[in-house]
Amino acid sequence: MKRGSTIILKGAIVIIGLVVVALCGLIIYTLMSEGLPAPQYRYTLLSIITCIFASTIPFYIALFQAMKLLSYIDRGTAFSELSVHALKKIKYCAIAICIIYVISEPSIFLLADMDDAPGLVLFGMIPVFASFVIAVFAALLERLLRDAIEIKSENDLTV
């Protein structure tokens, strides 16, 4: 595989990380400049914002693992246990993000009920489904990579 494609993917990972930092900064700036809205929304918004910021921790861990996985591909050691461990950590981070957003769903439901906006609950489920899909995909890739490593080791022993 050419090194250019992994450079593009690494650049995309960096851009995604910067966008998330910018969005978190925008949330903090908005809260600092405008303050919290009416008192009935205060605690529900704070719990939702806390969940958003809590989910950035496993998100950045997963981005770091993706960068490590791409560096393994660059070095030609994509079919190694290191890659399997990186995929396993990405899977666990996606599961953690899914759990964090499931925990925040009651707050989103309360906010939607107060604001009379039922679509907000569906909007709150988007990160849950996205992280679930990522976790399933990482688990699938982990299993395929483990099988490929096993086949490679068997072929190395027969030669």
N, C-alpha and C. Protein backbone atom coordinates (compact mmCIF):
# COMPACT_ATOMS: atom_id res chain seq x y z
N MET A 1 0.85 -1.17 0.00
CA MET A 1 0.00 0.00 0.00
C MET A 1 0.90 1.23 0.00
N LYS A 2 0.50 2.20 -0.76
CA LYS A 2 1.29 3.41 -0.84
C LYS A 2 1.14 4.23 0.43
N ARG A 3 2.19 4.92 0.77
CA ARG A 3 2.21 5.72 1.98
C ARG A 3 1.28 6.92 1.87
N GLY A 4 0.98 7.38 0.67
CA GLY A 4 0.12 8.55 0.48
C GLY A 4 -1.29 8.35 1.01
N SER A 5 -1.82 7.15 0.86
CA SER A 5 -3.19 6.92 1.33
C SER A 5 -3.26 6.96 2.85
N THR A 6 -2.22 6.48 3.53
CA THR A 6 -2.25 6.56 4.99
C THR A 6 -2.01 7.99 5.46
N ILE A 7 -1.27 8.76 4.71
CA ILE A 7 -1.08 10.17 5.07
C ILE A 7 -2.40 10.91 4.97
N ILE A 8 -3.18 10.61 3.95
CA ILE A 8 -4.50 11.24 3.82
C ILE A 8 -5.39 10.85 4.99
N LEU A 9 -5.35 9.57 5.37
CA LEU A 9 -6.16 9.13 6.50
C LEU A 9 -5.69 9.75 7.81
N LYS A 10 -4.38 9.87 7.99
CA LYS A 10 -3.87 10.52 9.20
C LYS A 10 -4.29 11.99 9.23
N GLY A 11 -4.25 12.65 8.08
CA GLY A 11 -4.71 14.03 8.01
C GLY A 11 -6.19 14.15 8.35
N ALA A 12 -6.98 13.20 7.87
CA ALA A 12 -8.41 13.21 8.19
C ALA A 12 -8.64 13.02 9.68
N ILE A 13 -7.85 12.15 10.31
CA ILE A 13 -7.98 11.94 11.75
C ILE A 13 -7.63 13.20 12.51
N VAL A 14 -6.58 13.88 12.09
CA VAL A 14 -6.19 15.14 12.74
C VAL A 14 -7.29 16.18 12.58
N ILE A 15 -7.85 16.27 11.39
CA ILE A 15 -8.92 17.25 11.15
C ILE A 15 -10.15 16.93 12.00
N ILE A 16 -10.50 15.66 12.10
CA ILE A 16 -11.64 15.27 12.94
C ILE A 16 -11.38 15.64 14.39
N GLY A 17 -10.17 15.39 14.86
CA GLY A 17 -9.82 15.76 16.23
C GLY A 17 -9.90 17.26 16.46
N LEU A 18 -9.44 18.05 15.48
CA LEU A 18 -9.50 19.50 15.61
C LEU A 18 -10.93 20.01 15.58
N VAL A 19 -11.78 19.39 14.77
CA VAL A 19 -13.19 19.80 14.71
C VAL A 19 -13.87 19.55 16.06
N VAL A 20 -13.58 18.42 16.68
CA VAL A 20 -14.19 18.12 17.97
C VAL A 20 -13.70 19.09 19.04
N VAL A 21 -12.41 19.43 19.00
CA VAL A 21 -11.88 20.44 19.94
C VAL A 21 -12.57 21.78 19.71
N ALA A 22 -12.76 22.15 18.45
CA ALA A 22 -13.42 23.42 18.15
C ALA A 22 -14.87 23.43 18.62
N LEU A 23 -15.58 22.32 18.43
CA LEU A 23 -16.97 22.25 18.89
C LEU A 23 -17.06 22.31 20.41
N CYS A 24 -16.15 21.64 21.11
CA CYS A 24 -16.14 21.72 22.58
C CYS A 24 -15.80 23.14 23.03
N GLY A 25 -14.86 23.76 22.35
CA GLY A 25 -14.53 25.15 22.67
C GLY A 25 -15.70 26.08 22.41
N LEU A 26 -16.45 25.81 21.35
CA LEU A 26 -17.63 26.62 21.05
C LEU A 26 -18.70 26.45 22.13
N ILE A 27 -18.86 25.25 22.64
CA ILE A 27 -19.82 25.02 23.72
C ILE A 27 -19.40 25.80 24.96
N ILE A 28 -18.12 25.74 25.30
CA ILE A 28 -17.63 26.46 26.48
C ILE A 28 -17.77 27.97 26.28
N TYR A 29 -17.41 28.45 25.10
CA TYR A 29 -17.52 29.88 24.82
C TYR A 29 -18.96 30.35 24.92
N THR A 30 -19.88 29.58 24.37
CA THR A 30 -21.30 29.94 24.42
C THR A 30 -21.80 29.97 25.86
N LEU A 31 -21.41 28.99 26.64
CA LEU A 31 -21.83 28.96 28.04
C LEU A 31 -21.22 30.11 28.83
N MET A 32 -19.98 30.45 28.54
CA MET A 32 -19.33 31.53 29.28
C MET A 32 -19.88 32.90 28.88
N SER A 33 -20.19 33.07 27.61
CA SER A 33 -20.65 34.39 27.16
C SER A 33 -22.14 34.61 27.42
N GLU A 34 -22.95 33.61 27.18
CA GLU A 34 -24.39 33.78 27.32
C GLU A 34 -24.92 33.23 28.64
N GLY A 35 -24.18 32.38 29.29
CA GLY A 35 -24.64 31.75 30.52
C GLY A 35 -25.66 30.66 30.21
N LEU A 36 -26.13 30.03 31.25
CA LEU A 36 -27.12 28.98 31.09
C LEU A 36 -28.50 29.60 30.90
N PRO A 37 -29.36 28.91 30.19
CA PRO A 37 -30.71 29.44 29.98
C PRO A 37 -31.54 29.36 31.27
N ALA A 38 -32.82 29.41 31.10
CA ALA A 38 -33.75 29.43 32.22
C ALA A 38 -33.46 28.31 33.22
N PRO A 39 -33.79 28.53 34.50
CA PRO A 39 -33.45 27.55 35.54
C PRO A 39 -34.02 26.15 35.30
N GLN A 40 -35.17 26.02 34.64
CA GLN A 40 -35.73 24.69 34.43
C GLN A 40 -34.90 23.86 33.45
N TYR A 41 -34.08 24.52 32.63
CA TYR A 41 -33.22 23.80 31.68
C TYR A 41 -31.81 23.56 32.22
N ARG A 42 -31.45 24.24 33.28
CA ARG A 42 -30.07 24.30 33.74
C ARG A 42 -29.46 22.92 33.99
N TYR A 43 -30.07 22.11 34.81
CA TYR A 43 -29.47 20.84 35.20
C TYR A 43 -29.51 19.80 34.07
N THR A 44 -30.54 19.84 33.28
CA THR A 44 -30.57 18.89 32.16
C THR A 44 -29.50 19.24 31.13
N LEU A 45 -29.33 20.53 30.85
CA LEU A 45 -28.28 20.92 29.91
C LEU A 45 -26.90 20.63 30.46
N LEU A 46 -26.71 20.87 31.74
CA LEU A 46 -25.40 20.58 32.34
C LEU A 46 -25.08 19.09 32.29
N SER A 47 -26.07 18.24 32.51
CA SER A 47 -25.80 16.79 32.43
C SER A 47 -25.52 16.36 31.00
N ILE A 48 -26.21 16.95 30.04
CA ILE A 48 -25.95 16.61 28.64
C ILE A 48 -24.56 17.08 28.23
N ILE A 49 -24.20 18.29 28.63
CA ILE A 49 -22.88 18.83 28.29
C ILE A 49 -21.78 18.02 28.97
N THR A 50 -22.03 17.58 30.20
CA THR A 50 -21.07 16.73 30.89
C THR A 50 -20.87 15.43 30.15
N CYS A 51 -21.93 14.85 29.66
CA CYS A 51 -21.81 13.60 28.88
C CYS A 51 -21.06 13.83 27.58
N ILE A 52 -21.29 14.98 26.96
CA ILE A 52 -20.58 15.28 25.72
C ILE A 52 -19.08 15.37 25.98
N PHE A 53 -18.71 16.10 27.03
CA PHE A 53 -17.29 16.23 27.34
C PHE A 53 -16.69 14.92 27.84
N ALA A 54 -17.47 14.12 28.56
CA ALA A 54 -16.97 12.81 29.01
C ALA A 54 -16.73 11.88 27.82
N SER A 55 -17.53 12.02 26.78
CA SER A 55 -17.36 11.14 25.62
C SER A 55 -16.14 11.52 24.79
N THR A 56 -15.60 12.72 24.98
CA THR A 56 -14.41 13.09 24.21
C THR A 56 -13.18 12.32 24.65
N ILE A 57 -13.16 11.86 25.90
CA ILE A 57 -11.99 11.10 26.38
C ILE A 57 -11.82 9.79 25.60
N PRO A 58 -12.85 8.91 25.56
CA PRO A 58 -12.66 7.70 24.76
C PRO A 58 -12.56 8.00 23.26
N PHE A 59 -13.15 9.11 22.83
CA PHE A 59 -13.06 9.48 21.41
C PHE A 59 -11.61 9.75 21.02
N TYR A 60 -10.90 10.53 21.84
CA TYR A 60 -9.51 10.82 21.52
C TYR A 60 -8.60 9.61 21.72
N ILE A 61 -8.94 8.75 22.64
CA ILE A 61 -8.18 7.50 22.78
C ILE A 61 -8.34 6.66 21.51
N ALA A 62 -9.57 6.60 20.98
CA ALA A 62 -9.81 5.85 19.74
C ALA A 62 -9.09 6.50 18.56
N LEU A 63 -9.06 7.83 18.51
CA LEU A 63 -8.32 8.50 17.43
C LEU A 63 -6.83 8.19 17.52
N PHE A 64 -6.30 8.18 18.73
CA PHE A 64 -4.89 7.85 18.91
C PHE A 64 -4.60 6.42 18.46
N GLN A 65 -5.50 5.50 18.80
CA GLN A 65 -5.32 4.11 18.38
C GLN A 65 -5.42 3.97 16.87
N ALA A 66 -6.28 4.76 16.25
CA ALA A 66 -6.37 4.74 14.79
C ALA A 66 -5.08 5.26 14.15
N MET A 67 -4.48 6.28 14.77
CA MET A 67 -3.19 6.77 14.26
C MET A 67 -2.10 5.69 14.41
N LYS A 68 -2.12 4.98 15.55
CA LYS A 68 -1.17 3.89 15.74
C LYS A 68 -1.38 2.80 14.70
N LEU A 69 -2.64 2.49 14.42
CA LEU A 69 -2.96 1.46 13.43
C LEU A 69 -2.44 1.86 12.05
N LEU A 70 -2.60 3.12 11.71
CA LEU A 70 -2.09 3.59 10.42
C LEU A 70 -0.56 3.58 10.39
N SER A 71 0.07 3.85 11.52
CA SER A 71 1.55 3.77 11.53
C SER A 71 2.02 2.32 11.41
N TYR A 72 1.25 1.38 11.96
CA TYR A 72 1.59 -0.04 11.77
C TYR A 72 1.48 -0.41 10.29
N ILE A 73 0.47 0.12 9.62
CA ILE A 73 0.31 -0.15 8.19
C ILE A 73 1.49 0.44 7.42
N ASP A 74 1.93 1.66 7.80
CA ASP A 74 3.08 2.27 7.14
C ASP A 74 4.35 1.45 7.30
N ARG A 75 4.54 0.85 8.49
CA ARG A 75 5.74 0.08 8.76
C ARG A 75 5.68 -1.33 8.19
N GLY A 76 4.52 -1.72 7.69
CA GLY A 76 4.38 -3.06 7.14
C GLY A 76 4.08 -4.12 8.18
N THR A 77 3.66 -3.70 9.36
CA THR A 77 3.33 -4.66 10.42
C THR A 77 1.84 -4.63 10.72
N ALA A 78 1.05 -4.51 9.66
CA ALA A 78 -0.40 -4.44 9.85
C ALA A 78 -0.95 -5.76 10.37
N PHE A 79 -0.35 -6.86 9.96
CA PHE A 79 -0.81 -8.17 10.40
C PHE A 79 0.00 -8.61 11.62
N SER A 80 -0.24 -7.93 12.73
CA SER A 80 0.46 -8.25 13.97
C SER A 80 -0.51 -8.10 15.13
N GLU A 81 -0.07 -8.59 16.28
CA GLU A 81 -0.90 -8.48 17.48
C GLU A 81 -1.07 -7.03 17.92
N LEU A 82 -0.14 -6.17 17.55
CA LEU A 82 -0.27 -4.76 17.88
C LEU A 82 -1.50 -4.15 17.22
N SER A 83 -1.75 -4.53 15.98
CA SER A 83 -2.93 -4.05 15.27
C SER A 83 -4.20 -4.59 15.90
N VAL A 84 -4.16 -5.84 16.33
CA VAL A 84 -5.33 -6.43 16.99
C VAL A 84 -5.63 -5.69 18.29
N HIS A 85 -4.59 -5.35 19.05
CA HIS A 85 -4.79 -4.62 20.30
C HIS A 85 -5.34 -3.22 20.05
N ALA A 86 -4.86 -2.57 18.98
CA ALA A 86 -5.37 -1.24 18.65
C ALA A 86 -6.85 -1.31 18.27
N LEU A 87 -7.22 -2.31 17.49
CA LEU A 87 -8.63 -2.47 17.13
C LEU A 87 -9.49 -2.80 18.35
N LYS A 88 -8.94 -3.58 19.27
CA LYS A 88 -9.67 -3.91 20.48
C LYS A 88 -9.92 -2.66 21.32
N LYS A 89 -8.92 -1.80 21.41
CA LYS A 89 -9.09 -0.55 22.17
C LYS A 89 -10.08 0.38 21.49
N ILE A 90 -10.07 0.42 20.16
CA ILE A 90 -11.06 1.22 19.43
C ILE A 90 -12.46 0.70 19.70
N LYS A 91 -12.60 -0.63 19.73
CA LYS A 91 -13.90 -1.24 20.01
C LYS A 91 -14.38 -0.86 21.41
N TYR A 92 -13.50 -0.95 22.40
CA TYR A 92 -13.88 -0.61 23.77
C TYR A 92 -14.22 0.88 23.91
N CYS A 93 -13.49 1.72 23.21
CA CYS A 93 -13.78 3.16 23.25
C CYS A 93 -15.15 3.45 22.62
N ALA A 94 -15.46 2.79 21.54
CA ALA A 94 -16.77 2.99 20.91
C ALA A 94 -17.89 2.50 21.82
N ILE A 95 -17.66 1.40 22.51
CA ILE A 95 -18.66 0.91 23.47
C ILE A 95 -18.82 1.90 24.61
N ALA A 96 -17.72 2.48 25.09
CA ALA A 96 -17.79 3.46 26.17
C ALA A 96 -18.57 4.70 25.73
N ILE A 97 -18.34 5.15 24.51
CA ILE A 97 -19.08 6.31 24.00
C ILE A 97 -20.56 5.97 23.91
N CYS A 98 -20.87 4.79 23.44
CA CYS A 98 -22.26 4.34 23.35
C CYS A 98 -22.92 4.35 24.73
N ILE A 99 -22.23 3.84 25.73
CA ILE A 99 -22.78 3.80 27.09
C ILE A 99 -22.97 5.21 27.64
N ILE A 100 -22.01 6.09 27.40
CA ILE A 100 -22.12 7.46 27.90
C ILE A 100 -23.35 8.15 27.32
N TYR A 101 -23.59 7.97 26.01
CA TYR A 101 -24.75 8.63 25.41
C TYR A 101 -26.06 7.95 25.78
N VAL A 102 -26.03 6.66 26.06
CA VAL A 102 -27.24 6.01 26.56
C VAL A 102 -27.58 6.55 27.94
N ILE A 103 -26.55 6.79 28.75
CA ILE A 103 -26.77 7.37 30.08
C ILE A 103 -27.35 8.78 29.97
N SER A 104 -26.97 9.51 28.93
CA SER A 104 -27.47 10.89 28.79
C SER A 104 -28.88 10.95 28.20
N GLU A 105 -29.40 9.84 27.71
CA GLU A 105 -30.73 9.86 27.09
C GLU A 105 -31.86 10.32 28.02
N PRO A 106 -31.89 9.95 29.31
CA PRO A 106 -32.96 10.50 30.15
C PRO A 106 -32.93 12.03 30.24
N SER A 107 -31.73 12.60 30.28
CA SER A 107 -31.64 14.07 30.30
C SER A 107 -32.14 14.66 28.99
N ILE A 108 -31.82 14.01 27.90
CA ILE A 108 -32.30 14.50 26.60
C ILE A 108 -33.81 14.37 26.53
N PHE A 109 -34.33 13.28 27.08
CA PHE A 109 -35.79 13.11 27.11
C PHE A 109 -36.44 14.20 27.94
N LEU A 110 -35.87 14.53 29.10
CA LEU A 110 -36.42 15.60 29.93
C LEU A 110 -36.37 16.94 29.21
N LEU A 111 -35.26 17.20 28.54
CA LEU A 111 -35.13 18.46 27.79
C LEU A 111 -36.14 18.51 26.65
N ALA A 112 -36.32 17.39 25.96
CA ALA A 112 -37.30 17.34 24.87
C ALA A 112 -38.72 17.50 25.40
N ASP A 113 -38.99 16.94 26.57
CA ASP A 113 -40.31 17.07 27.17
C ASP A 113 -40.58 18.50 27.61
N MET A 114 -39.57 19.17 28.18
CA MET A 114 -39.74 20.56 28.62
C MET A 114 -39.91 21.50 27.43
N ASP A 115 -39.19 21.21 26.37
CA ASP A 115 -39.20 22.08 25.20
C ASP A 115 -40.23 21.66 24.18
N ASP A 116 -40.92 20.55 24.43
CA ASP A 116 -41.93 20.00 23.51
C ASP A 116 -41.35 19.75 22.13
N ALA A 117 -40.20 19.05 22.12
CA ALA A 117 -39.52 18.73 20.87
C ALA A 117 -39.19 17.23 20.87
N PRO A 118 -40.13 16.38 20.43
CA PRO A 118 -39.89 14.93 20.51
C PRO A 118 -38.77 14.45 19.59
N GLY A 119 -38.46 15.19 18.56
CA GLY A 119 -37.38 14.78 17.65
C GLY A 119 -36.01 14.86 18.29
N LEU A 120 -35.92 15.58 19.40
CA LEU A 120 -34.64 15.71 20.08
C LEU A 120 -34.16 14.37 20.63
N VAL A 121 -35.08 13.51 21.02
CA VAL A 121 -34.71 12.19 21.53
C VAL A 121 -34.08 11.36 20.40
N LEU A 122 -34.64 11.43 19.22
CA LEU A 122 -34.05 10.71 18.08
C LEU A 122 -32.70 11.30 17.72
N PHE A 123 -32.57 12.62 17.82
CA PHE A 123 -31.30 13.28 17.54
C PHE A 123 -30.25 12.84 18.56
N GLY A 124 -30.67 12.60 19.80
CA GLY A 124 -29.75 12.13 20.82
C GLY A 124 -29.31 10.69 20.63
N MET A 125 -30.05 9.93 19.85
CA MET A 125 -29.69 8.53 19.60
C MET A 125 -28.67 8.37 18.48
N ILE A 126 -28.42 9.42 17.72
CA ILE A 126 -27.46 9.34 16.61
C ILE A 126 -26.07 8.93 17.10
N PRO A 127 -25.51 9.56 18.15
CA PRO A 127 -24.19 9.10 18.61
C PRO A 127 -24.20 7.67 19.14
N VAL A 128 -25.32 7.25 19.71
CA VAL A 128 -25.42 5.88 20.23
C VAL A 128 -25.31 4.89 19.08
N PHE A 129 -26.09 5.11 18.04
CA PHE A 129 -26.06 4.19 16.90
C PHE A 129 -24.72 4.26 16.15
N ALA A 130 -24.18 5.47 15.99
CA ALA A 130 -22.90 5.61 15.28
C ALA A 130 -21.78 4.89 16.03
N SER A 131 -21.71 5.08 17.33
CA SER A 131 -20.65 4.41 18.08
C SER A 131 -20.88 2.90 18.16
N PHE A 132 -22.12 2.48 18.17
CA PHE A 132 -22.42 1.04 18.15
C PHE A 132 -21.95 0.42 16.84
N VAL A 133 -22.21 1.09 15.74
CA VAL A 133 -21.77 0.59 14.43
C VAL A 133 -20.24 0.52 14.37
N ILE A 134 -19.59 1.54 14.92
CA ILE A 134 -18.12 1.54 14.93
C ILE A 134 -17.59 0.39 15.79
N ALA A 135 -18.24 0.14 16.93
CA ALA A 135 -17.82 -0.96 17.79
C ALA A 135 -17.98 -2.31 17.09
N VAL A 136 -19.09 -2.50 16.40
CA VAL A 136 -19.31 -3.76 15.69
C VAL A 136 -18.32 -3.91 14.55
N PHE A 137 -18.06 -2.83 13.83
CA PHE A 137 -17.11 -2.87 12.72
C PHE A 137 -15.70 -3.16 13.23
N ALA A 138 -15.31 -2.54 14.35
CA ALA A 138 -13.98 -2.79 14.92
C ALA A 138 -13.87 -4.23 15.39
N ALA A 139 -14.94 -4.77 15.98
CA ALA A 139 -14.92 -6.17 16.42
C ALA A 139 -14.79 -7.11 15.23
N LEU A 140 -15.48 -6.78 14.15
CA LEU A 140 -15.38 -7.59 12.93
C LEU A 140 -13.97 -7.54 12.36
N LEU A 141 -13.40 -6.35 12.27
CA LEU A 141 -12.03 -6.23 11.76
C LEU A 141 -11.03 -6.92 12.67
N GLU A 142 -11.27 -6.84 13.97
CA GLU A 142 -10.38 -7.52 14.92
C GLU A 142 -10.40 -9.03 14.69
N ARG A 143 -11.59 -9.58 14.51
CA ARG A 143 -11.69 -11.03 14.28
C ARG A 143 -11.05 -11.41 12.94
N LEU A 144 -11.31 -10.63 11.90
CA LEU A 144 -10.70 -10.93 10.60
C LEU A 144 -9.18 -10.82 10.65
N LEU A 145 -8.69 -9.82 11.36
CA LEU A 145 -7.24 -9.65 11.46
C LEU A 145 -6.62 -10.79 12.25
N ARG A 146 -7.30 -11.22 13.30
CA ARG A 146 -6.81 -12.35 14.09
C ARG A 146 -6.75 -13.62 13.23
N ASP A 147 -7.79 -13.85 12.41
CA ASP A 147 -7.79 -15.00 11.51
C ASP A 147 -6.68 -14.90 10.47
N ALA A 148 -6.47 -13.69 9.95
CA ALA A 148 -5.41 -13.49 8.95
C ALA A 148 -4.04 -13.73 9.55
N ILE A 149 -3.85 -13.30 10.80
CA ILE A 149 -2.56 -13.54 11.47
C ILE A 149 -2.35 -15.03 11.68
N GLU A 150 -3.42 -15.73 12.04
CA GLU A 150 -3.32 -17.18 12.24
C GLU A 150 -2.97 -17.89 10.93
N ILE A 151 -3.62 -17.51 9.84
CA ILE A 151 -3.34 -18.11 8.53
C ILE A 151 -1.90 -17.79 8.10
N LYS A 152 -1.47 -16.55 8.36
CA LYS A 152 -0.10 -16.15 8.01
C LYS A 152 0.92 -16.97 8.79
N SER A 153 0.66 -17.17 10.08
CA SER A 153 1.60 -17.95 10.88
C SER A 153 1.64 -19.41 10.44
N GLU A 154 0.49 -19.95 10.03
CA GLU A 154 0.46 -21.33 9.53
C GLU A 154 1.23 -21.44 8.23
N ASN A 155 1.08 -20.45 7.35
CA ASN A 155 1.81 -20.46 6.08
C ASN A 155 3.30 -20.31 6.31
N ASP A 156 3.70 -19.51 7.31
CA ASP A 156 5.13 -19.35 7.59
C ASP A 156 5.74 -20.64 8.12
N LEU A 157 4.94 -21.43 8.85
CA LEU A 157 5.45 -22.68 9.38
C LEU A 157 5.55 -23.77 8.32
N THR A 158 4.72 -23.71 7.26
CA THR A 158 4.75 -24.75 6.24
C THR A 158 5.87 -24.57 5.24
N VAL A 159 6.38 -23.39 5.13
CA VAL A 159 7.45 -23.12 4.14
C VAL A 159 8.77 -23.56 4.60
